[in-house]
C-alpha atoms as a PDB file:
ATOM      1  CA  UNK A   1     -23.151  -0.163  -0.120  1.00  0.00           C
ATOM      2  CA  UNK A   2     -19.883  -0.827  -1.975  1.00  0.00           C
ATOM      3  CA  UNK A   3     -17.921   1.141   0.654  1.00  0.00           C
ATOM      4  CA  UNK A   4     -19.067  -1.213   3.401  1.00  0.00           C
ATOM      5  CA  UNK A   5     -18.127  -4.442   1.663  1.00  0.00           C
ATOM      6  CA  UNK A   6     -15.615  -6.294   3.879  1.00  0.00           C
ATOM      7  CA  UNK A   7     -12.128  -6.867   2.552  1.00  0.00           C
ATOM      8  CA  UNK A   8     -11.268 -10.545   2.436  1.00  0.00           C
ATOM      9  CA  UNK A   9      -7.982 -11.308   4.263  1.00  0.00           C
ATOM     10  CA  UNK A  10      -6.671 -13.184   1.199  1.00  0.00           C
ATOM     11  CA  UNK A  11      -6.574  -9.893  -0.777  1.00  0.00           C
ATOM     12  CA  UNK A  12      -4.281  -8.179   1.730  1.00  0.00           C
ATOM     13  CA  UNK A  13      -1.006  -9.361   0.084  1.00  0.00           C
ATOM     14  CA  UNK A  14      -2.259  -8.109  -3.296  1.00  0.00           C
ATOM     15  CA  UNK A  15      -3.061  -4.684  -1.876  1.00  0.00           C
ATOM     16  CA  UNK A  16       0.334  -4.536  -0.152  1.00  0.00           C
ATOM     17  CA  UNK A  17       2.175  -5.537  -3.324  1.00  0.00           C
ATOM     18  CA  UNK A  18       0.286  -2.937  -5.381  1.00  0.00           C
ATOM     19  CA  UNK A  19       1.118  -0.198  -2.859  1.00  0.00           C
ATOM     20  CA  UNK A  20       4.795  -1.186  -2.851  1.00  0.00           C
ATOM     21  CA  UNK A  21       4.868  -1.113  -6.652  1.00  0.00           C
ATOM     22  CA  UNK A  22       3.346   2.360  -6.789  1.00  0.00           C
ATOM     23  CA  UNK A  23       5.734   3.638  -4.105  1.00  0.00           C
ATOM     24  CA  UNK A  24       8.679   2.196  -6.037  1.00  0.00           C
ATOM     25  CA  UNK A  25       7.494   3.766  -9.311  1.00  0.00           C
ATOM     26  CA  UNK A  26       7.048   7.152  -7.637  1.00  0.00           C
ATOM     27  CA  UNK A  27      10.497   7.026  -6.034  1.00  0.00           C
ATOM     28  CA  UNK A  28      12.221   5.729  -9.177  1.00  0.00           C
ATOM     29  CA  UNK A  29      10.732   8.160 -11.678  1.00  0.00           C
ATOM     30  CA  UNK A  30      10.738  11.260  -9.442  1.00  0.00           C
ATOM     31  CA  UNK A  31      14.035  12.609 -10.859  1.00  0.00           C
ATOM     32  CA  UNK A  32      12.818  12.140 -14.427  1.00  0.00           C
ATOM     33  CA  UNK A  33       9.319  13.562 -14.006  1.00  0.00           C
ATOM     34  CA  UNK A  34       8.564  15.308 -10.680  1.00  0.00           C
ATOM     35  CA  UNK A  35       4.865  15.559 -11.567  1.00  0.00           C
ATOM     36  CA  UNK A  36       4.486  11.845 -10.813  1.00  0.00           C
ATOM     37  CA  UNK A  37       4.795  12.665  -7.104  1.00  0.00           C
ATOM     38  CA  UNK A  38       1.508  14.554  -7.263  1.00  0.00           C
ATOM     39  CA  UNK A  39      -0.276  11.455  -8.542  1.00  0.00           C
ATOM     40  CA  UNK A  40       1.526   9.218  -6.065  1.00  0.00           C
ATOM     41  CA  UNK A  41       0.557  11.469  -3.160  1.00  0.00           C
ATOM     42  CA  UNK A  42      -3.039  11.569  -4.397  1.00  0.00           C
ATOM     43  CA  UNK A  43      -3.104   7.757  -4.616  1.00  0.00           C
ATOM     44  CA  UNK A  44      -1.784   7.307  -1.087  1.00  0.00           C
ATOM     45  CA  UNK A  45      -4.000  10.069   0.358  1.00  0.00           C
ATOM     46  CA  UNK A  46      -7.103   8.480  -1.153  1.00  0.00           C
ATOM     47  CA  UNK A  47      -5.866   5.059  -0.069  1.00  0.00           C
ATOM     48  CA  UNK A  48      -5.415   6.339   3.464  1.00  0.00           C
ATOM     49  CA  UNK A  49      -9.021   7.505   3.602  1.00  0.00           C
ATOM     50  CA  UNK A  50     -10.335   4.233   2.188  1.00  0.00           C
ATOM     51  CA  UNK A  51      -8.208   2.053   4.480  1.00  0.00           C
ATOM     52  CA  UNK A  52      -9.145   4.150   7.501  1.00  0.00           C
ATOM     53  CA  UNK A  53     -12.825   3.534   6.759  1.00  0.00           C
ATOM     54  CA  UNK A  54     -12.219  -0.151   6.058  1.00  0.00           C
ATOM     55  CA  UNK A  55     -10.219  -0.762   9.214  1.00  0.00           C
ATOM     56  CA  UNK A  56     -12.449   1.228  11.552  1.00  0.00           C
ATOM     57  CA  UNK A  57     -15.890   0.214  10.380  1.00  0.00           C
ATOM     58  CA  UNK A  58     -15.805  -2.708   7.964  1.00  0.00           C
ATOM     59  CA  UNK A  59     -12.779  -5.000   8.164  1.00  0.00           C
ATOM     60  CA  UNK A  60     -13.017  -8.055  10.403  1.00  0.00           C
ATOM     61  CA  UNK A  61      -9.506  -9.431  10.923  1.00  0.00           C
ATOM     62  CA  UNK A  62      -9.138 -13.190  10.753  1.00  0.00           C
ATOM     63  CA  UNK A  63      -5.734 -13.139  12.460  1.00  0.00           C
ATOM     64  CA  UNK A  64      -3.166 -10.698  13.808  1.00  0.00           C
ATOM     65  CA  UNK A  65       0.313 -10.678  12.349  1.00  0.00           C
ATOM     66  CA  UNK A  66       1.787  -8.450  15.085  1.00  0.00           C
ATOM     67  CA  UNK A  67       4.065  -6.775  12.540  1.00  0.00           C
ATOM     68  CA  UNK A  68       5.720  -9.954  11.292  1.00  0.00           C
ATOM     69  CA  UNK A  69       5.286  -8.912   7.664  1.00  0.00           C
ATOM     70  CA  UNK A  70       7.078  -5.561   8.080  1.00  0.00           C
ATOM     71  CA  UNK A  71      10.668  -6.914   7.780  1.00  0.00           C
ATOM     72  CA  UNK A  72       9.757  -8.620   4.479  1.00  0.00           C
ATOM     73  CA  UNK A  73       8.156  -5.463   3.121  1.00  0.00           C
ATOM     74  CA  UNK A  74      11.096  -3.284   4.184  1.00  0.00           C
ATOM     75  CA  UNK A  75      13.679  -5.695   2.742  1.00  0.00           C
ATOM     76  CA  UNK A  76      11.876  -5.923  -0.599  1.00  0.00           C
ATOM     77  CA  UNK A  77      11.466  -2.166  -0.835  1.00  0.00           C
ATOM     78  CA  UNK A  78      15.131  -1.542  -0.032  1.00  0.00           C
ATOM     79  CA  UNK A  79      16.223  -4.266  -2.443  1.00  0.00           C
ATOM     80  CA  UNK A  80      14.119  -2.770  -5.209  1.00  0.00           C
ATOM     81  CA  UNK A  81      15.591   0.670  -4.541  1.00  0.00           C
ATOM     82  CA  UNK A  82      19.110  -0.716  -4.719  1.00  0.00           C
ATOM     83  CA  UNK A  83      18.342  -2.418  -8.048  1.00  0.00           C
ATOM     84  CA  UNK A  84      17.036   0.834  -9.500  1.00  0.00           C
END
């Protein structure tokens, strides 16, 4: 029953920010400790399965962004990589 609980559209920015943070941590600390990539890959593989289920069977979109958020995400990720 918990797998079929719809994701509220207001939580989407939080999920995106958390995924960006984990990607940044994995990329930043990879030279120091390569084992972190295993956990990062496991996180994103499990996340892929969960999001696939959510988007196909559960999620009811309130609006369509048509990719307008992608430039912001890409700029923040590149900026964070430059800082580190």
